[in-house]
Amino acid sequence: MRVRAVLLSARLSVESEHTKVGVHGIGMTDSSMDFQFHCGGHTVAKKGRKLDLSELGEAPGLPGLTPEMGRCYANAAGVCSEANRHKQGVELRVQVGIAERRYTLNWPQVTVQIRRTHADLQDATADGAYAIAIMLAREITGCTVVEQAWKGTGIDYWLAESEDEMFQGARLEVSGILRGDNRDVARRIASKLAQISQSDDSGLPAYVCVVEFSEPEAHFRKQ
């Protein structure tokens, strides 16, 4: 548990008073049994059919994601989607373990300014994948991003049901592919599953989400 102790110590050293934002800080619709994953030892069953990435830009945001950054991620996802000639409402196929779910995917309107802002499609792919993965993590695990992870942990975000449960939830690693085939996706998943072992000492469950924009599809895999 060495990593968890270090993380908790670092967190306490920089903690300041702030407004707390829970897992449902921005709108998501709950309904009956569909997905079942675990976060922090809790079984979560949720059903989702729509992912509106614009919600990431709504106040108050998430504990570990400001509305401004959430909007940036969502805009990047829109640029990547439209670079692949997708239209609003395109079907997103999500592989969750052995089950497949389908979502209607929407994003903020992409303006010329937004397209120019995200003209580097390699960076846009990484940022856009964050948008989709963060929304899916809340939908599938019931946990939200509570803090960005730092280099050396092998992950991108720490997940929890709320910021009061810091480092008690799960880990999330995200990767994006602008255009790829099944072999590209499989290789990326394998690479990321190996990478997240760097923070296995935390004792927390870990998830990898790989987003491929040309289909579009996402693979949400537990370690």
C-alpha atoms as a PDB file:
ATOM      1  CA  MET A   1       0.000   0.000   0.000  1.00  0.00           C
ATOM      2  CA  ARG A   2       3.046   2.264  -0.330  1.00  0.00           C
ATOM      3  CA  VAL A   3       1.649   4.163  -3.330  1.00  0.00           C
ATOM      4  CA  ARG A   4      -1.669   4.861  -1.631  1.00  0.00           C
ATOM      5  CA  ALA A   5       0.095   6.214   1.459  1.00  0.00           C
ATOM      6  CA  VAL A   6       2.244   8.533  -0.654  1.00  0.00           C
ATOM      7  CA  LEU A   7      -0.786   9.713  -2.618  1.00  0.00           C
ATOM      8  CA  LEU A   8      -2.828  10.432   0.495  1.00  0.00           C
ATOM      9  CA  SER A   9       0.084  12.302   2.045  1.00  0.00           C
ATOM     10  CA  ALA A  10       0.554  14.417  -1.082  1.00  0.00           C
ATOM     11  CA  ARG A  11      -3.152  15.127  -1.274  1.00  0.00           C
ATOM     12  CA  LEU A  12      -3.379  16.258   2.344  1.00  0.00           C
ATOM     13  CA  SER A  13      -0.429  18.587   1.876  1.00  0.00           C
ATOM     14  CA  VAL A  14      -2.168  20.563  -0.865  1.00  0.00           C
ATOM     15  CA  GLU A  15      -5.819  20.248   0.210  1.00  0.00           C
ATOM     16  CA  SER A  16      -7.642  23.579   0.440  1.00  0.00           C
ATOM     17  CA  GLU A  17     -11.214  24.621   1.092  1.00  0.00           C
ATOM     18  CA  HIS A  18     -13.351  24.373  -2.026  1.00  0.00           C
ATOM     19  CA  THR A  19     -16.835  23.580  -3.193  1.00  0.00           C
ATOM     20  CA  LYS A  20     -17.422  19.853  -3.370  1.00  0.00           C
ATOM     21  CA  VAL A  21     -18.815  18.350  -6.531  1.00  0.00           C
ATOM     22  CA  GLY A  22     -20.144  14.792  -6.528  1.00  0.00           C
ATOM     23  CA  VAL A  23     -20.378  12.155  -9.200  1.00  0.00           C
ATOM     24  CA  HIS A  24     -23.541  13.733 -10.599  1.00  0.00           C
ATOM     25  CA  GLY A  25     -22.103  17.261 -10.748  1.00  0.00           C
ATOM     26  CA  ILE A  26     -23.279  17.391 -14.340  1.00  0.00           C
ATOM     27  CA  GLY A  27     -26.339  15.729 -15.758  1.00  0.00           C
ATOM     28  CA  MET A  28     -26.533  12.022 -16.479  1.00  0.00           C
ATOM     29  CA  THR A  29     -29.653   9.928 -16.570  1.00  0.00           C
ATOM     30  CA  ASP A  30     -29.933   6.890 -14.312  1.00  0.00           C
ATOM     31  CA  SER A  31     -32.268   4.039 -15.052  1.00  0.00           C
ATOM     32  CA  SER A  32     -32.543   0.304 -14.629  1.00  0.00           C
ATOM     33  CA  MET A  33     -30.134  -2.609 -14.930  1.00  0.00           C
ATOM     34  CA  ASP A  34     -27.797  -2.584 -17.899  1.00  0.00           C
ATOM     35  CA  PHE A  35     -24.137  -2.113 -16.988  1.00  0.00           C
ATOM     36  CA  GLN A  36     -22.575  -3.677 -13.924  1.00  0.00           C
ATOM     37  CA  PHE A  37     -19.035  -2.722 -12.951  1.00  0.00           C
ATOM     38  CA  HIS A  38     -17.408  -2.046  -9.616  1.00  0.00           C
ATOM     39  CA  CYS A  39     -15.839   1.104  -8.248  1.00  0.00           C
ATOM     40  CA  GLY A  40     -14.422   1.142  -4.745  1.00  0.00           C
ATOM     41  CA  GLY A  41     -16.155  -2.140  -3.938  1.00  0.00           C
ATOM     42  CA  HIS A  42     -19.655  -0.949  -4.920  1.00  0.00           C
ATOM     43  CA  THR A  43     -21.684  -2.602  -7.674  1.00  0.00           C
ATOM     44  CA  VAL A  44     -23.200  -0.044 -10.018  1.00  0.00           C
ATOM     45  CA  ALA A  45     -26.008  -0.776 -12.448  1.00  0.00           C
ATOM     46  CA  LYS A  46     -26.813   1.945 -14.930  1.00  0.00           C
ATOM     47  CA  LYS A  47     -28.394   2.206 -18.308  1.00  0.00           C
ATOM     48  CA  GLY A  48     -27.326   4.755 -20.880  1.00  0.00           C
ATOM     49  CA  ARG A  49     -28.244   5.371 -24.431  1.00  0.00           C
ATOM     50  CA  LYS A  50     -27.034   8.926 -25.015  1.00  0.00           C
ATOM     51  CA  LEU A  51     -23.695  10.611 -24.494  1.00  0.00           C
ATOM     52  CA  ASP A  52     -23.872  14.370 -24.865  1.00  0.00           C
ATOM     53  CA  LEU A  53     -20.315  15.611 -24.493  1.00  0.00           C
ATOM     54  CA  SER A  54     -21.553  19.195 -24.138  1.00  0.00           C
ATOM     55  CA  GLU A  55     -22.426  18.304 -20.536  1.00  0.00           C
ATOM     56  CA  LEU A  56     -18.734  18.299 -19.660  1.00  0.00           C
ATOM     57  CA  GLY A  57     -18.721  22.065 -20.124  1.00  0.00           C
ATOM     58  CA  GLU A  58     -21.591  22.684 -17.720  1.00  0.00           C
ATOM     59  CA  ALA A  59     -21.040  24.164 -14.253  1.00  0.00           C
ATOM     60  CA  PRO A  60     -20.008  23.084 -11.699  1.00  0.00           C
ATOM     61  CA  GLY A  61     -18.054  20.471 -13.628  1.00  0.00           C
ATOM     62  CA  LEU A  62     -16.609  17.395 -11.904  1.00  0.00           C
ATOM     63  CA  PRO A  63     -14.371  17.188  -8.819  1.00  0.00           C
ATOM     64  CA  GLY A  64     -11.277  16.670 -10.971  1.00  0.00           C
ATOM     65  CA  LEU A  65     -12.364  18.460 -14.134  1.00  0.00           C
ATOM     66  CA  THR A  66     -13.295  22.127 -14.541  1.00  0.00           C
ATOM     67  CA  PRO A  67     -16.067  23.070 -16.978  1.00  0.00           C
ATOM     68  CA  GLU A  68     -13.450  24.894 -19.063  1.00  0.00           C
ATOM     69  CA  MET A  69     -11.288  21.799 -19.463  1.00  0.00           C
ATOM     70  CA  GLY A  70     -14.338  19.619 -19.964  1.00  0.00           C
ATOM     71  CA  ARG A  71     -15.470  21.900 -22.787  1.00  0.00           C
ATOM     72  CA  CYS A  72     -12.002  21.706 -24.326  1.00  0.00           C
ATOM     73  CA  TYR A  73     -12.093  17.903 -24.293  1.00  0.00           C
ATOM     74  CA  ALA A  74     -15.621  17.873 -25.734  1.00  0.00           C
ATOM     75  CA  ASN A  75     -14.647  20.282 -28.513  1.00  0.00           C
ATOM     76  CA  ALA A  76     -11.684  18.079 -29.407  1.00  0.00           C
ATOM     77  CA  ALA A  77     -13.944  15.044 -29.619  1.00  0.00           C
ATOM     78  CA  GLY A  78     -16.206  16.979 -31.976  1.00  0.00           C
ATOM     79  CA  VAL A  79     -13.273  17.911 -34.211  1.00  0.00           C
ATOM     80  CA  CYS A  80     -12.111  14.280 -34.369  1.00  0.00           C
ATOM     81  CA  SER A  81     -15.622  13.043 -35.069  1.00  0.00           C
ATOM     82  CA  GLU A  82     -16.176  15.512 -37.887  1.00  0.00           C
ATOM     83  CA  ALA A  83     -12.692  14.819 -39.283  1.00  0.00           C
ATOM     84  CA  ASN A  84     -14.055  11.306 -39.809  1.00  0.00           C
ATOM     85  CA  ARG A  85     -17.211  12.747 -41.451  1.00  0.00           C
ATOM     86  CA  HIS A  86     -19.520  11.789 -38.620  1.00  0.00           C
ATOM     87  CA  LYS A  87     -22.635  13.809 -37.911  1.00  0.00           C
ATOM     88  CA  GLN A  88     -24.293  14.671 -34.628  1.00  0.00           C
ATOM     89  CA  GLY A  89     -26.121  11.649 -33.238  1.00  0.00           C
ATOM     90  CA  VAL A  90     -23.747   9.095 -34.741  1.00  0.00           C
ATOM     91  CA  GLU A  91     -23.929   5.684 -33.088  1.00  0.00           C
ATOM     92  CA  LEU A  92     -21.041   4.958 -30.720  1.00  0.00           C
ATOM     93  CA  ARG A  93     -20.427   1.255 -30.101  1.00  0.00           C
ATOM     94  CA  VAL A  94     -19.009   0.563 -26.661  1.00  0.00           C
ATOM     95  CA  GLN A  95     -17.490  -2.785 -25.763  1.00  0.00           C
ATOM     96  CA  VAL A  96     -17.757  -3.326 -22.000  1.00  0.00           C
ATOM     97  CA  GLY A  97     -16.098  -6.619 -21.214  1.00  0.00           C
ATOM     98  CA  ILE A  98     -17.898  -9.121 -23.437  1.00  0.00           C
ATOM     99  CA  ALA A  99     -21.042  -6.999 -23.753  1.00  0.00           C
ATOM    100  CA  GLU A 100     -21.684  -4.358 -26.370  1.00  0.00           C
ATOM    101  CA  ARG A 101     -23.753  -1.230 -25.822  1.00  0.00           C
ATOM    102  CA  ARG A 102     -24.707   1.475 -28.279  1.00  0.00           C
ATOM    103  CA  TYR A 103     -24.984   5.185 -27.581  1.00  0.00           C
ATOM    104  CA  THR A 104     -26.079   8.208 -29.536  1.00  0.00           C
ATOM    105  CA  LEU A 105     -23.068  10.530 -29.490  1.00  0.00           C
ATOM    106  CA  ASN A 106     -23.344  14.326 -29.581  1.00  0.00           C
ATOM    107  CA  TRP A 107     -20.770  17.079 -29.134  1.00  0.00           C
ATOM    108  CA  PRO A 108     -20.657  20.897 -29.041  1.00  0.00           C
ATOM    109  CA  GLN A 109     -21.080  22.642 -32.379  1.00  0.00           C
ATOM    110  CA  VAL A 110     -17.703  22.748 -34.111  1.00  0.00           C
ATOM    111  CA  THR A 111     -16.923  26.244 -35.354  1.00  0.00           C
ATOM    112  CA  VAL A 112     -14.032  27.367 -37.531  1.00  0.00           C
ATOM    113  CA  GLN A 113     -12.350  28.740 -34.420  1.00  0.00           C
ATOM    114  CA  ILE A 114     -12.705  25.424 -32.589  1.00  0.00           C
ATOM    115  CA  ARG A 115     -11.358  23.523 -35.583  1.00  0.00           C
ATOM    116  CA  ARG A 116      -8.342  25.823 -35.748  1.00  0.00           C
ATOM    117  CA  THR A 117      -7.809  25.502 -31.994  1.00  0.00           C
ATOM    118  CA  HIS A 118      -7.614  21.720 -32.363  1.00  0.00           C
ATOM    119  CA  ALA A 119      -5.824  21.642 -35.710  1.00  0.00           C
ATOM    120  CA  ASP A 120      -3.186  19.256 -34.331  1.00  0.00           C
ATOM    121  CA  LEU A 121      -5.275  16.105 -34.706  1.00  0.00           C
ATOM    122  CA  GLN A 122      -2.859  14.010 -32.659  1.00  0.00           C
ATOM    123  CA  ASP A 123      -3.449  16.203 -29.622  1.00  0.00           C
ATOM    124  CA  ALA A 124      -7.145  16.477 -30.454  1.00  0.00           C
ATOM    125  CA  THR A 125      -7.445  12.689 -30.519  1.00  0.00           C
ATOM    126  CA  ALA A 126      -5.973  12.382 -27.027  1.00  0.00           C
ATOM    127  CA  ASP A 127      -8.172  15.164 -25.625  1.00  0.00           C
ATOM    128  CA  GLY A 128     -11.286  13.952 -27.402  1.00  0.00           C
ATOM    129  CA  ALA A 129     -10.777  10.453 -26.036  1.00  0.00           C
ATOM    130  CA  TYR A 130     -10.752  11.932 -22.526  1.00  0.00           C
ATOM    131  CA  ALA A 131     -14.208  13.408 -23.104  1.00  0.00           C
ATOM    132  CA  ILE A 132     -15.745  10.098 -24.130  1.00  0.00           C
ATOM    133  CA  ALA A 133     -13.874   8.031 -21.533  1.00  0.00           C
ATOM    134  CA  ILE A 134     -14.812  10.313 -18.631  1.00  0.00           C
ATOM    135  CA  MET A 135     -18.483  10.180 -19.589  1.00  0.00           C
ATOM    136  CA  LEU A 136     -18.345   6.412 -19.982  1.00  0.00           C
ATOM    137  CA  ALA A 137     -16.524   5.947 -16.671  1.00  0.00           C
ATOM    138  CA  ARG A 138     -19.359   7.684 -14.830  1.00  0.00           C
ATOM    139  CA  GLU A 139     -21.944   5.731 -16.757  1.00  0.00           C
ATOM    140  CA  ILE A 140     -20.327   2.319 -16.391  1.00  0.00           C
ATOM    141  CA  THR A 141     -18.638   2.419 -12.977  1.00  0.00           C
ATOM    142  CA  GLY A 142     -20.651   5.062 -11.120  1.00  0.00           C
ATOM    143  CA  CYS A 143     -17.402   6.873 -10.357  1.00  0.00           C
ATOM    144  CA  THR A 144     -16.234  10.256 -11.541  1.00  0.00           C
ATOM    145  CA  VAL A 145     -12.814  11.796 -12.087  1.00  0.00           C
ATOM    146  CA  VAL A 146     -11.605  13.315  -8.824  1.00  0.00           C
ATOM    147  CA  GLU A 147      -8.027  14.162  -9.739  1.00  0.00           C
ATOM    148  CA  GLN A 148      -5.664  14.040 -12.686  1.00  0.00           C
ATOM    149  CA  ALA A 149      -2.870  11.520 -12.147  1.00  0.00           C
ATOM    150  CA  TRP A 150       0.739  12.511 -12.538  1.00  0.00           C
ATOM    151  CA  LYS A 151       3.405  10.882 -14.691  1.00  0.00           C
ATOM    152  CA  GLY A 152       4.825   7.657 -13.374  1.00  0.00           C
ATOM    153  CA  THR A 153       1.484   6.250 -12.216  1.00  0.00           C
ATOM    154  CA  GLY A 154       0.672   4.765 -15.620  1.00  0.00           C
ATOM    155  CA  ILE A 155      -2.832   6.244 -15.566  1.00  0.00           C
ATOM    156  CA  ASP A 156      -4.598   9.480 -16.498  1.00  0.00           C
ATOM    157  CA  TYR A 157      -7.187   9.946 -13.748  1.00  0.00           C
ATOM    158  CA  TRP A 158      -8.163   8.813 -10.280  1.00  0.00           C
ATOM    159  CA  LEU A 159     -11.824   7.847  -9.963  1.00  0.00           C
ATOM    160  CA  ALA A 160     -14.133   7.849  -6.931  1.00  0.00           C
ATOM    161  CA  GLU A 161     -17.800   8.217  -6.107  1.00  0.00           C
ATOM    162  CA  SER A 162     -17.019  11.641  -4.631  1.00  0.00           C
ATOM    163  CA  GLU A 163     -13.996  13.729  -3.715  1.00  0.00           C
ATOM    164  CA  ASP A 164     -14.473  12.645  -0.089  1.00  0.00           C
ATOM    165  CA  GLU A 165     -13.323   9.183  -1.196  1.00  0.00           C
ATOM    166  CA  MET A 166     -10.068  10.263  -2.786  1.00  0.00           C
ATOM    167  CA  PHE A 167      -7.837   7.292  -3.677  1.00  0.00           C
ATOM    168  CA  GLN A 168     -10.553   4.847  -2.585  1.00  0.00           C
ATOM    169  CA  GLY A 169     -12.243   4.310  -5.940  1.00  0.00           C
ATOM    170  CA  ALA A 170     -10.433   3.239  -9.084  1.00  0.00           C
ATOM    171  CA  ARG A 171      -7.881   4.181 -11.730  1.00  0.00           C
ATOM    172  CA  LEU A 172      -8.504   5.192 -15.353  1.00  0.00           C
ATOM    173  CA  GLU A 173      -6.155   5.154 -18.330  1.00  0.00           C
ATOM    174  CA  VAL A 174      -7.384   6.605 -21.629  1.00  0.00           C
ATOM    175  CA  SER A 175      -6.102   6.377 -25.179  1.00  0.00           C
ATOM    176  CA  GLY A 176      -7.430   7.652 -28.492  1.00  0.00           C
ATOM    177  CA  ILE A 177      -7.041   6.514 -32.095  1.00  0.00           C
ATOM    178  CA  LEU A 178      -8.156   8.853 -34.861  1.00  0.00           C
ATOM    179  CA  ARG A 179      -8.343   6.167 -37.535  1.00  0.00           C
ATOM    180  CA  GLY A 180      -7.437   2.548 -36.931  1.00  0.00           C
ATOM    181  CA  ASP A 181      -8.501  -1.055 -37.397  1.00  0.00           C
ATOM    182  CA  ASN A 182      -9.196  -3.892 -34.979  1.00  0.00           C
ATOM    183  CA  ARG A 183      -5.515  -4.773 -34.735  1.00  0.00           C
ATOM    184  CA  ASP A 184      -4.608  -1.195 -33.808  1.00  0.00           C
ATOM    185  CA  VAL A 185      -7.262  -1.195 -31.092  1.00  0.00           C
ATOM    186  CA  ALA A 186      -6.206  -4.593 -29.723  1.00  0.00           C
ATOM    187  CA  ARG A 187      -2.547  -3.535 -29.564  1.00  0.00           C
ATOM    188  CA  ARG A 188      -3.436  -0.296 -27.815  1.00  0.00           C
ATOM    189  CA  ILE A 189      -5.583  -2.067 -25.221  1.00  0.00           C
ATOM    190  CA  ALA A 190      -2.808  -4.560 -24.474  1.00  0.00           C
ATOM    191  CA  SER A 191      -0.243  -1.766 -24.176  1.00  0.00           C
ATOM    192  CA  LYS A 192      -2.392   0.255 -21.791  1.00  0.00           C
ATOM    193  CA  LEU A 193      -3.297  -2.750 -19.641  1.00  0.00           C
ATOM    194  CA  ALA A 194       0.428  -3.348 -19.159  1.00  0.00           C
ATOM    195  CA  GLN A 195       1.093   0.340 -18.486  1.00  0.00           C
ATOM    196  CA  ILE A 196      -1.376   0.708 -15.619  1.00  0.00           C
ATOM    197  CA  SER A 197       0.538  -1.877 -13.589  1.00  0.00           C
ATOM    198  CA  GLN A 198       2.816   0.997 -12.527  1.00  0.00           C
ATOM    199  CA  SER A 199       0.250   1.971  -9.887  1.00  0.00           C
ATOM    200  CA  ASP A 200      -0.913  -1.511  -8.865  1.00  0.00           C
ATOM    201  CA  ASP A 201       0.500  -0.882  -5.379  1.00  0.00           C
ATOM    202  CA  SER A 202      -2.480   1.412  -4.806  1.00  0.00           C
ATOM    203  CA  GLY A 203      -4.654  -1.681  -4.526  1.00  0.00           C
ATOM    204  CA  LEU A 204      -7.392  -0.001  -6.578  1.00  0.00           C
ATOM    205  CA  PRO A 205      -9.196  -1.534  -9.550  1.00  0.00           C
ATOM    206  CA  ALA A 206      -8.087  -0.122 -12.883  1.00  0.00           C
ATOM    207  CA  TYR A 207      -9.852   0.503 -16.186  1.00  0.00           C
ATOM    208  CA  VAL A 208      -8.575   1.179 -19.672  1.00  0.00           C
ATOM    209  CA  CYS A 209     -10.713   3.027 -22.201  1.00  0.00           C
ATOM    210  CA  VAL A 210      -9.560   3.102 -25.818  1.00  0.00           C
ATOM    211  CA  VAL A 211     -11.572   5.319 -28.174  1.00  0.00           C
ATOM    212  CA  GLU A 212     -11.388   4.860 -31.948  1.00  0.00           C
ATOM    213  CA  PHE A 213     -13.020   7.748 -33.808  1.00  0.00           C
ATOM    214  CA  SER A 214     -13.447   6.454 -37.359  1.00  0.00           C
ATOM    215  CA  GLU A 215     -16.084   3.838 -36.471  1.00  0.00           C
ATOM    216  CA  PRO A 216     -16.671   5.327 -33.831  1.00  0.00           C
ATOM    217  CA  GLU A 217     -16.183   2.827 -31.030  1.00  0.00           C
ATOM    218  CA  ALA A 218     -14.850   2.600 -27.487  1.00  0.00           C
ATOM    219  CA  HIS A 219     -13.502  -0.326 -25.510  1.00  0.00           C
ATOM    220  CA  PHE A 220     -13.845  -0.158 -21.731  1.00  0.00           C
ATOM    221  CA  ARG A 221     -11.738  -2.879 -20.150  1.00  0.00           C
ATOM    222  CA  LYS A 222     -11.048  -3.784 -16.535  1.00  0.00           C
ATOM    223  CA  GLN A 223      -7.517  -4.843 -15.622  1.00  0.00           C
END
